[in-house]
Amino acid sequence: MGEDKEFIETVALTTPEQVPIERVNQHAVVTFATEFLSLLRRFDAIKVQMNERGLEFGGRVLLVGPPGTDFLAFPYFLAREVPIKIVRFKMEGILDENKRANDALRGGFEFARRNSPAILYVEKLEALAQKDSIQSIVFQDEIKRTGWSGDEVVIVAATTRLDQVDRELLAMYDRTYIVEGTSVDDRIRILEQVLKDRNDIDVSIVAELTEGWGFSDMKHLAMSLFMQEPSKGGEMSREKVEELIKHSRVAAFGDSKFLDSAIRKTQGIRQPELEKLNGEYPDGFLDQLYLMAVGEDYSETQRVIEVLNEGLPLSAKDREFLGRYPFLLAGSAEDRLTRLLRAKKSSDRLHRIMGRQ
């Protein structure tokens, strides 16, 4: 059935043939979609037994992730593989103040049921069904009436703000998939899709240097690198790649630390200067702190100091270590090595003394 005139302003219908084939997808999201597809096929195999036991498979999916997550990869994958149509709410139609949002929500669910089998894709769940709102109650009522067992409608909702959605509504989803951000594998796959013909860029280095970046950040960066003239001198060094990333002007808003830093800069808030940081650790006390770190894990303390002294990007493991031993940031590279060696000698001497007792 085609789109009725009453629905045109609030929903859009996408057929499997209209789903883009050449698309950069977030691997983790596609993996979740593959898992859910297995559930759909399993239901087809055992639905008679489920009906006999009075069991229903709602087919209601909640996707949760940070801003920039490629939620759309989930319904797109199902649409191609099942195959199945996608019904999608038009945000501008639902949130139009001149229209009745509750009626628009009911209409969207009805349109999906009329066009089944279909996926009803709800992006920005927190906006369409705001916490403690009439719209949320309407949404809960409609989701109760709609499912895969009875209507052949899969509901896929996405949100980056769980705190803004009623818990009663969250509890109605059969499956919840949490995307924690881009993994190294995610970042490499994104870069490989965009830079597959660029032999001058080692994507593993780029992936390593972009720890904490979101999916949309990585897409923007990959596009920026793609638009750069290929290097005529062969594969670029790590330093050159790092420079390209720095000058790409791509903002890593998926990284909370970058976002906090940008906010501080725009608000005129300055980071404490290293001299002030050094002043917080008196000389003798600093030696004692180094002795503590060396005594607990000398090899890791040495490794992190080498990373700091060489100006290399900090990994998640490095940042975690520095969270426990922030005093390692104080002083110059020479100071760090001097204190490290001094602490190691003191630690070894203490172990010898303790060993003789």
Protein backbone atom coordinates (compact mmCIF):
# COMPACT_ATOMS: atom_id res chain seq x y z
CA MET A 1 0.00 0.00 0.00
CA GLY A 2 1.35 3.45 -0.87
CA GLU A 3 1.58 6.35 1.53
CA ASP A 4 -1.83 7.78 2.38
CA LYS A 5 -2.04 11.54 2.13
CA GLU A 6 -2.75 11.86 5.85
CA PHE A 7 0.61 10.23 6.66
CA ILE A 8 2.88 11.96 4.15
CA GLU A 9 3.94 14.76 6.51
CA THR A 10 4.75 12.48 9.46
CA VAL A 11 6.25 9.25 8.07
CA ALA A 12 8.43 8.09 5.19
CA LEU A 13 8.49 4.65 3.58
CA THR A 14 11.72 3.07 2.30
CA THR A 15 11.70 -0.16 0.32
CA PRO A 16 14.59 -2.66 0.45
CA GLU A 17 15.59 -1.60 -3.06
CA GLN A 18 15.98 2.00 -1.87
CA VAL A 19 18.42 1.15 0.92
CA PRO A 20 21.91 2.36 -0.11
CA ILE A 21 24.35 -0.46 -0.80
CA GLU A 22 27.57 1.60 -0.84
CA ARG A 23 27.50 3.02 2.66
CA VAL A 24 30.04 3.36 5.47
CA ASN A 25 28.49 1.40 8.36
CA GLN A 26 29.48 1.09 12.01
CA HIS A 27 30.62 -2.51 12.37
CA ALA A 28 29.44 -2.93 15.97
CA VAL A 29 25.90 -1.86 15.03
CA VAL A 30 25.81 -4.23 12.04
CA THR A 31 26.98 -7.04 14.34
CA PHE A 32 24.00 -6.38 16.63
CA ALA A 33 21.66 -6.33 13.62
CA THR A 34 23.05 -9.70 12.49
CA GLU A 35 22.36 -11.10 15.95
CA PHE A 36 18.78 -9.82 15.87
CA LEU A 37 18.22 -11.25 12.39
CA SER A 38 19.05 -14.67 13.81
CA LEU A 39 16.28 -14.15 16.38
CA LEU A 40 13.77 -13.31 13.66
CA ARG A 41 14.67 -16.46 11.76
CA ARG A 42 14.55 -18.53 14.93
CA PHE A 43 11.04 -17.22 15.64
CA ASP A 44 9.90 -18.29 12.17
CA ALA A 45 11.08 -21.81 12.99
CA ILE A 46 9.37 -22.10 16.39
CA LYS A 47 6.39 -19.73 16.19
CA VAL A 48 3.88 -22.62 16.28
CA GLN A 49 5.32 -23.86 19.59
CA MET A 50 5.38 -20.29 20.93
CA ASN A 51 1.72 -19.76 20.01
CA GLU A 52 0.79 -23.02 21.73
CA ARG A 53 2.39 -21.73 24.93
CA GLY A 54 0.86 -18.29 24.63
CA LEU A 55 4.24 -16.65 24.03
CA GLU A 56 4.75 -13.59 21.85
CA PHE A 57 7.86 -12.24 20.18
CA GLY A 58 7.49 -8.47 20.25
CA GLY A 59 10.46 -7.68 18.02
CA ARG A 60 10.99 -4.43 19.91
CA VAL A 61 14.61 -3.22 19.87
CA LEU A 62 16.25 -0.37 21.75
CA LEU A 63 19.59 0.98 20.54
CA VAL A 64 21.62 3.07 22.98
CA GLY A 65 24.87 4.82 22.21
CA PRO A 66 26.85 8.07 22.33
CA PRO A 67 26.13 10.99 19.97
CA GLY A 68 27.25 10.22 16.42
CA THR A 69 26.47 6.48 16.63
CA ASP A 70 25.42 4.94 13.31
CA PHE A 71 22.02 3.73 14.54
CA LEU A 72 20.61 3.72 11.01
CA ALA A 73 22.90 0.82 10.08
CA PHE A 74 20.63 -1.49 12.13
CA PRO A 75 17.34 -1.05 10.18
CA TYR A 76 19.23 -0.75 6.89
CA PHE A 77 20.86 -4.14 7.44
CA LEU A 78 17.55 -5.82 8.29
CA ALA A 79 15.79 -4.15 5.35
CA ARG A 80 18.29 -5.64 2.90
CA GLU A 81 18.63 -9.07 4.49
CA VAL A 82 15.02 -9.99 5.37
CA PRO A 83 14.02 -8.12 3.04
CA ILE A 84 11.57 -5.72 4.66
CA LYS A 85 10.32 -2.12 4.34
CA ILE A 86 11.31 0.68 6.72
CA VAL A 87 8.75 3.14 8.07
CA ARG A 88 10.44 6.15 9.59
CA PHE A 89 8.98 9.04 11.56
CA LYS A 90 9.70 12.47 10.11
CA MET A 91 10.90 14.47 13.09
CA GLU A 92 9.81 17.79 11.61
CA GLY A 93 6.29 16.43 11.09
CA ILE A 94 5.89 14.97 14.56
CA LEU A 95 7.38 17.95 16.40
CA ASP A 96 5.53 20.60 14.40
CA GLU A 97 3.80 22.78 17.00
CA ASN A 98 0.91 23.41 14.61
CA LYS A 99 0.04 19.69 14.56
CA ARG A 100 -1.14 17.30 17.23
CA ALA A 101 1.90 15.20 18.08
CA ASN A 102 -0.15 12.49 19.76
CA ASP A 103 -2.25 11.92 16.64
CA ALA A 104 0.90 11.93 14.52
CA LEU A 105 2.45 9.21 16.71
CA ARG A 106 -0.66 7.05 16.52
CA GLY A 107 -0.77 7.60 12.77
CA GLY A 108 2.84 6.45 12.36
CA PHE A 109 2.21 3.19 14.20
CA GLU A 110 -0.97 2.63 12.19
CA PHE A 111 0.88 3.27 8.95
CA ALA A 112 3.51 0.68 9.91
CA ARG A 113 0.83 -1.90 10.70
CA ARG A 114 -0.92 -1.26 7.38
CA ASN A 115 2.35 -1.68 5.49
CA SER A 116 3.60 -4.78 7.31
CA PRO A 117 5.86 -6.63 7.26
CA ALA A 118 7.87 -3.54 8.15
CA ILE A 119 10.40 -1.97 10.50
CA LEU A 120 9.19 1.09 12.38
CA TYR A 121 12.38 3.08 12.97
CA VAL A 122 12.24 5.69 15.73
CA GLU A 123 15.31 7.93 15.92
CA LYS A 124 15.73 10.26 18.90
CA LEU A 125 13.29 8.39 21.11
CA GLU A 126 13.87 10.97 23.85
CA ALA A 127 12.45 13.69 21.56
CA LEU A 128 9.40 11.80 20.28
CA ALA A 129 8.43 10.37 23.65
CA GLN A 130 9.69 12.88 26.19
CA LYS A 131 9.90 11.79 29.80
CA ASP A 132 6.73 12.44 31.84
CA SER A 133 4.83 13.64 28.76
CA ILE A 134 1.50 12.72 27.20
CA GLN A 135 3.45 11.67 24.09
CA SER A 136 5.33 9.09 26.16
CA ILE A 137 2.05 7.61 27.39
CA VAL A 138 0.70 7.49 23.83
CA PHE A 139 3.93 5.84 22.67
CA GLN A 140 3.68 3.22 25.42
CA ASP A 141 0.08 2.47 24.46
CA GLU A 142 0.96 2.05 20.78
CA ILE A 143 4.03 -0.09 21.42
CA LYS A 144 1.87 -2.47 23.47
CA ARG A 145 -0.43 -2.90 20.48
CA THR A 146 2.35 -3.42 17.93
CA GLY A 147 4.78 -6.29 17.56
CA TRP A 148 6.25 -8.92 15.29
CA SER A 149 4.13 -11.90 16.40
CA GLY A 150 0.79 -10.25 15.71
CA ASP A 151 1.49 -7.46 13.25
CA GLU A 152 4.82 -8.34 11.60
CA VAL A 153 6.22 -5.00 12.69
CA VAL A 154 9.71 -4.70 14.16
CA ILE A 155 10.12 -1.55 16.27
CA VAL A 156 13.66 -0.17 16.37
CA ALA A 157 14.15 2.89 18.59
CA ALA A 158 17.41 4.73 19.16
CA THR A 159 18.50 7.16 21.85
CA THR A 160 21.62 8.86 23.15
CA ARG A 161 19.81 10.09 26.28
CA LEU A 162 18.41 7.23 28.37
CA ASP A 163 17.88 9.64 31.26
CA GLN A 164 15.25 11.50 29.22
CA VAL A 165 13.06 8.43 28.53
CA ASP A 166 10.46 7.02 30.95
CA ARG A 167 11.59 3.78 32.55
CA GLU A 168 8.18 2.25 31.87
CA LEU A 169 8.79 2.76 28.15
CA LEU A 170 12.33 1.41 28.31
CA ALA A 171 11.03 -1.76 29.98
CA MET A 172 8.83 -2.55 26.96
CA TYR A 173 11.73 -3.41 24.65
CA ASP A 174 12.56 -7.09 24.15
CA ARG A 175 16.18 -6.46 23.24
CA THR A 176 18.55 -3.64 24.16
CA TYR A 177 21.86 -3.17 22.36
CA ILE A 178 24.36 -0.76 23.90
CA VAL A 179 26.99 0.71 21.58
CA GLU A 180 29.84 1.88 23.80
CA GLY A 181 31.65 3.92 21.15
CA THR A 182 34.01 3.02 18.34
CA SER A 183 36.42 0.16 18.94
CA VAL A 184 39.78 -0.03 17.17
CA ASP A 185 38.17 -2.55 14.81
CA ASP A 186 35.33 -0.09 14.10
CA ARG A 187 37.75 2.70 13.30
CA ILE A 188 39.93 0.54 11.06
CA ARG A 189 36.90 -0.67 9.10
CA ILE A 190 35.64 2.87 8.57
CA LEU A 191 39.03 4.00 7.33
CA GLU A 192 39.49 0.94 5.12
CA GLN A 193 36.17 1.57 3.38
CA VAL A 194 37.01 5.17 2.58
CA LEU A 195 40.80 4.90 2.07
CA LYS A 196 40.98 1.46 0.44
CA ASP A 197 43.10 2.76 -2.46
CA ARG A 198 45.43 4.95 -0.38
CA ASN A 199 48.67 3.04 0.11
CA ASP A 200 50.32 6.09 1.64
CA ILE A 201 48.22 5.97 4.82
CA ASP A 202 48.49 3.17 7.40
CA VAL A 203 44.92 3.00 8.75
CA SER A 204 46.04 1.12 11.86
CA ILE A 205 48.11 4.16 12.88
CA VAL A 206 45.15 6.48 12.31
CA ALA A 207 42.91 4.16 14.35
CA GLU A 208 45.44 4.13 17.19
CA LEU A 209 45.71 7.93 17.21
CA THR A 210 41.91 8.41 17.36
CA GLU A 211 41.13 6.59 20.61
CA GLY A 212 37.81 7.92 21.96
CA TRP A 213 36.57 9.33 18.63
CA GLY A 214 32.95 8.67 17.69
CA PHE A 215 31.64 7.08 14.50
CA SER A 216 30.61 10.34 12.87
CA ASP A 217 33.97 11.88 13.85
CA MET A 218 35.78 9.04 12.11
CA LYS A 219 33.69 9.39 8.96
CA HIS A 220 34.53 13.09 8.80
CA LEU A 221 38.21 12.37 9.36
CA ALA A 222 38.29 9.59 6.75
CA MET A 223 36.71 11.96 4.23
CA SER A 224 39.24 14.67 5.10
CA LEU A 225 42.16 12.26 4.61
CA PHE A 226 40.65 11.01 1.35
CA MET A 227 40.58 14.57 0.02
CA GLN A 228 44.28 15.08 0.80
CA GLU A 229 46.71 14.68 -2.08
CA PRO A 230 48.40 11.23 -1.85
CA SER A 231 51.97 11.33 -0.59
CA LYS A 232 54.53 10.79 -3.35
CA GLY A 233 57.11 9.52 -0.91
CA GLY A 234 55.34 6.25 -0.06
CA GLU A 235 53.75 5.41 3.27
CA MET A 236 53.68 8.38 5.63
CA SER A 237 55.41 8.29 9.00
CA ARG A 238 53.46 8.24 12.24
CA GLU A 239 54.44 11.85 12.87
CA LYS A 240 53.12 12.92 9.46
CA VAL A 241 49.82 11.07 10.01
CA GLU A 242 49.46 12.73 13.40
CA GLU A 243 50.05 16.10 11.78
CA LEU A 244 47.40 15.41 9.13
CA ILE A 245 44.87 14.52 11.81
CA LYS A 246 45.71 17.66 13.76
CA HIS A 247 45.31 19.91 10.73
CA SER A 248 42.21 18.17 9.38
CA ARG A 249 40.04 20.49 11.50
CA VAL A 250 37.79 17.53 12.28
CA ALA A 251 36.37 17.94 15.79
CA ALA A 252 36.30 14.74 17.86
CA PHE A 253 33.03 15.52 19.62
CA GLY A 254 32.57 11.83 20.39
CA ASP A 255 35.50 12.17 22.78
CA SER A 256 34.23 13.74 26.01
CA LYS A 257 37.72 15.03 26.84
CA PHE A 258 37.90 16.91 23.54
CA LEU A 259 34.43 18.35 24.14
CA ASP A 260 35.34 19.49 27.65
CA SER A 261 38.53 21.07 26.32
CA ALA A 262 36.63 22.91 23.56
CA ILE A 263 34.11 24.22 26.08
CA ARG A 264 36.89 25.46 28.36
CA LYS A 265 38.60 27.24 25.48
CA THR A 266 35.44 28.96 24.24
CA GLN A 267 34.53 30.04 27.77
CA GLY A 268 38.01 31.35 28.49
CA ILE A 269 38.79 28.70 31.10
CA ARG A 270 42.47 27.80 31.14
CA GLN A 271 44.06 24.55 32.16
CA PRO A 272 46.37 24.84 35.19
CA GLU A 273 49.92 25.51 34.06
CA LEU A 274 52.54 22.82 34.64
CA GLU A 275 54.44 25.18 36.92
CA LYS A 276 51.40 25.36 39.20
CA LEU A 277 51.04 21.58 39.03
CA ASN A 278 54.68 21.22 39.99
CA GLY A 279 54.11 23.53 42.95
CA GLU A 280 51.45 21.19 44.32
CA TYR A 281 54.08 18.48 44.77
CA PRO A 282 57.00 19.51 47.05
CA ASP A 283 60.31 18.04 45.94
CA GLY A 284 60.71 15.53 48.77
CA PHE A 285 57.08 14.47 48.61
CA LEU A 286 57.38 13.90 44.85
CA ASP A 287 60.26 11.49 45.44
CA GLN A 288 58.09 9.55 47.87
CA LEU A 289 55.28 9.34 45.31
CA TYR A 290 57.69 8.03 42.68
CA LEU A 291 58.91 5.43 45.18
CA MET A 292 55.32 4.33 45.74
CA ALA A 293 54.64 3.98 42.00
CA VAL A 294 57.90 2.12 41.34
CA GLY A 295 57.25 -0.20 44.27
CA GLU A 296 53.80 -1.09 42.94
CA ASP A 297 54.60 -1.39 39.22
CA TYR A 298 58.03 -0.32 38.02
CA SER A 299 57.72 -1.53 34.41
CA GLU A 300 54.41 0.24 33.83
CA THR A 301 55.66 3.44 35.48
CA GLN A 302 58.73 3.37 33.22
CA ARG A 303 56.63 2.75 30.11
CA VAL A 304 54.19 5.61 30.79
CA ILE A 305 57.08 7.99 31.51
CA GLU A 306 58.62 7.05 28.15
CA VAL A 307 55.30 7.78 26.42
CA LEU A 308 55.09 11.18 28.14
CA ASN A 309 58.70 12.07 27.40
CA GLU A 310 58.42 11.17 23.73
CA GLY A 311 55.17 13.10 23.35
CA LEU A 312 53.26 10.07 22.07
CA PRO A 313 49.43 9.89 22.16
CA LEU A 314 48.08 8.47 25.41
CA SER A 315 46.12 5.24 25.19
CA ALA A 316 43.13 4.45 27.42
CA LYS A 317 45.46 2.31 29.54
CA ASP A 318 47.93 5.20 29.86
CA ARG A 319 45.19 7.61 30.95
CA GLU A 320 43.94 5.13 33.52
CA PHE A 321 47.46 4.80 34.94
CA LEU A 322 47.90 8.57 35.09
CA GLY A 323 44.57 8.83 36.85
CA ARG A 324 46.18 6.93 39.73
CA TYR A 325 49.57 8.63 39.47
CA PRO A 326 48.90 12.19 38.17
CA PHE A 327 52.19 13.42 39.64
CA LEU A 328 54.00 11.82 36.68
CA LEU A 329 52.79 14.77 34.61
CA ALA A 330 54.81 17.19 36.70
CA GLY A 331 58.32 18.24 35.76
CA SER A 332 60.43 17.95 32.63
CA ALA A 333 61.35 14.76 30.78
CA GLU A 334 64.77 14.81 32.45
CA ASP A 335 63.18 15.26 35.89
CA ARG A 336 60.93 12.24 35.35
CA LEU A 337 63.82 9.96 34.36
CA THR A 338 65.98 11.20 37.25
CA ARG A 339 63.24 10.60 39.80
CA LEU A 340 62.41 7.22 38.24
CA LEU A 341 66.02 6.00 38.53
CA ARG A 342 66.32 7.41 42.03
CA ALA A 343 63.11 5.67 43.11
CA LYS A 344 64.24 2.39 41.53
CA LYS A 345 67.52 2.47 43.46
CA SER A 346 65.70 3.24 46.70
CA SER A 347 63.17 0.48 46.04
CA ASP A 348 65.91 -2.08 45.31
CA ARG A 349 67.80 -1.04 48.45
CA LEU A 350 64.67 -1.46 50.58
CA HIS A 351 64.04 -4.91 49.14
CA ARG A 352 67.62 -5.96 49.96
CA ILE A 353 67.28 -4.68 53.52
CA MET A 354 63.95 -6.41 53.98
CA GLY A 355 65.41 -9.59 52.51
CA ARG A 356 68.18 -9.68 55.13
CA GLN A 357 65.75 -9.43 58.04
